[in-house]
Amino acid sequence: MFHRILVATDLSPASEHLPAAVASLRSLGASEAVLVYCLEIRDVDKVAGTLVKLARPALERQRQALAASGFAATIEVRLGPPAVEINRAAVEKDCSVIVVGSHGHNLAADILLGGVATAVIHSAARPVLLIKMKLRSEGEAMVCEGAPCDPLTHVLYPTDFSDNAESAFSYLEKIVESGAKRVSLLHVQDRVVGEYLRDRLDEFNATDTARLEQLRDQLLAKGATDIRIEVPYGAVAQEILDRITGNEASFVVMGTQGRGHIGELFLGSISHKVARRSPVPVLMVPLERSSKKE
């Protein structure tokens, strides 16, 4: 499924835990890792060489941590806007997925990669795996540690049946082929739409349940053994988050864009909210460039 992964680092204390957090991606076929560190051109100017030299020991330490997890790991230092350079590096190095870390409930806050995580997701041409970094108190200090990244125990797949959701489902199939047995398939009937079409809700439920059953059959053929189907009614993002915690999902796979009842980006209205608040890793699959409208 994954061959080469890109691990974005800002050399913050939290980023030290990313190499250990991505070790489980070996179970999805990942064997190589590119550790990418970016320096803003406007901030470094002529001192770039000096800053890169100073960063080398920390980068090498993280590279060695990736190597200890079984990856053939290399270091890539880029000069330029981090979000732009991270996405560019992912394409140039032919990486299967971009891994970024965050902590807290606000991706725009001063956190690991800060607003860069948001910008990477918005413009990504490759799937982005967002891993939540957990904060805990240790005396008077706050310590950050990587949340477990477990793609095989229980995968949650929210879908709105859009083209982008279909692309995300292809990744879910590969995860099942890699050994995931338990999957939850979820479609939420948006209460905003329901307010206007409540008289057709039973019809929608029957149609969408049948769609999920078709997806279930495809996953059973791929090797899954425990598949749950749900079609709840409510606020979409909150219903997804409730299933992550209530059903003890270990991993989420979803698209970054969707149909949206007013043509809005799924990223802004749903998947971004889920990624921001999910306690477990979220694999966000972008809409393929070739299928986007010009």
Foldseek 3Di string as FASTA:
>chain_A
DWAEEEEEFQLDLQSLQVLVQCLQCVLLVYAAYEYEYEDECVVQPPNVVVVVVVCVVSVVSSQVSNVVSRHNYDYDYYYHDVLVVQQVCCVVVVGQEYEFEFEDLDQCDPTTCHCSVVSNLVPHQHKYKYWYWDWDDDPPDIHTHTDHADLAEEEEQEDPPFLQSVVLLVVVLSSLLSHRAHYEYEYEAEVVVCVVVVVCVVVVVVVVQVVVVVSVVSSVVSPHHHYHYDYYYYQQQVVSQCCCVVVVGQEYTGEQAGCDPVRDGCVVRHVVSNSSPHNHMYTYGYDNPVPDDD
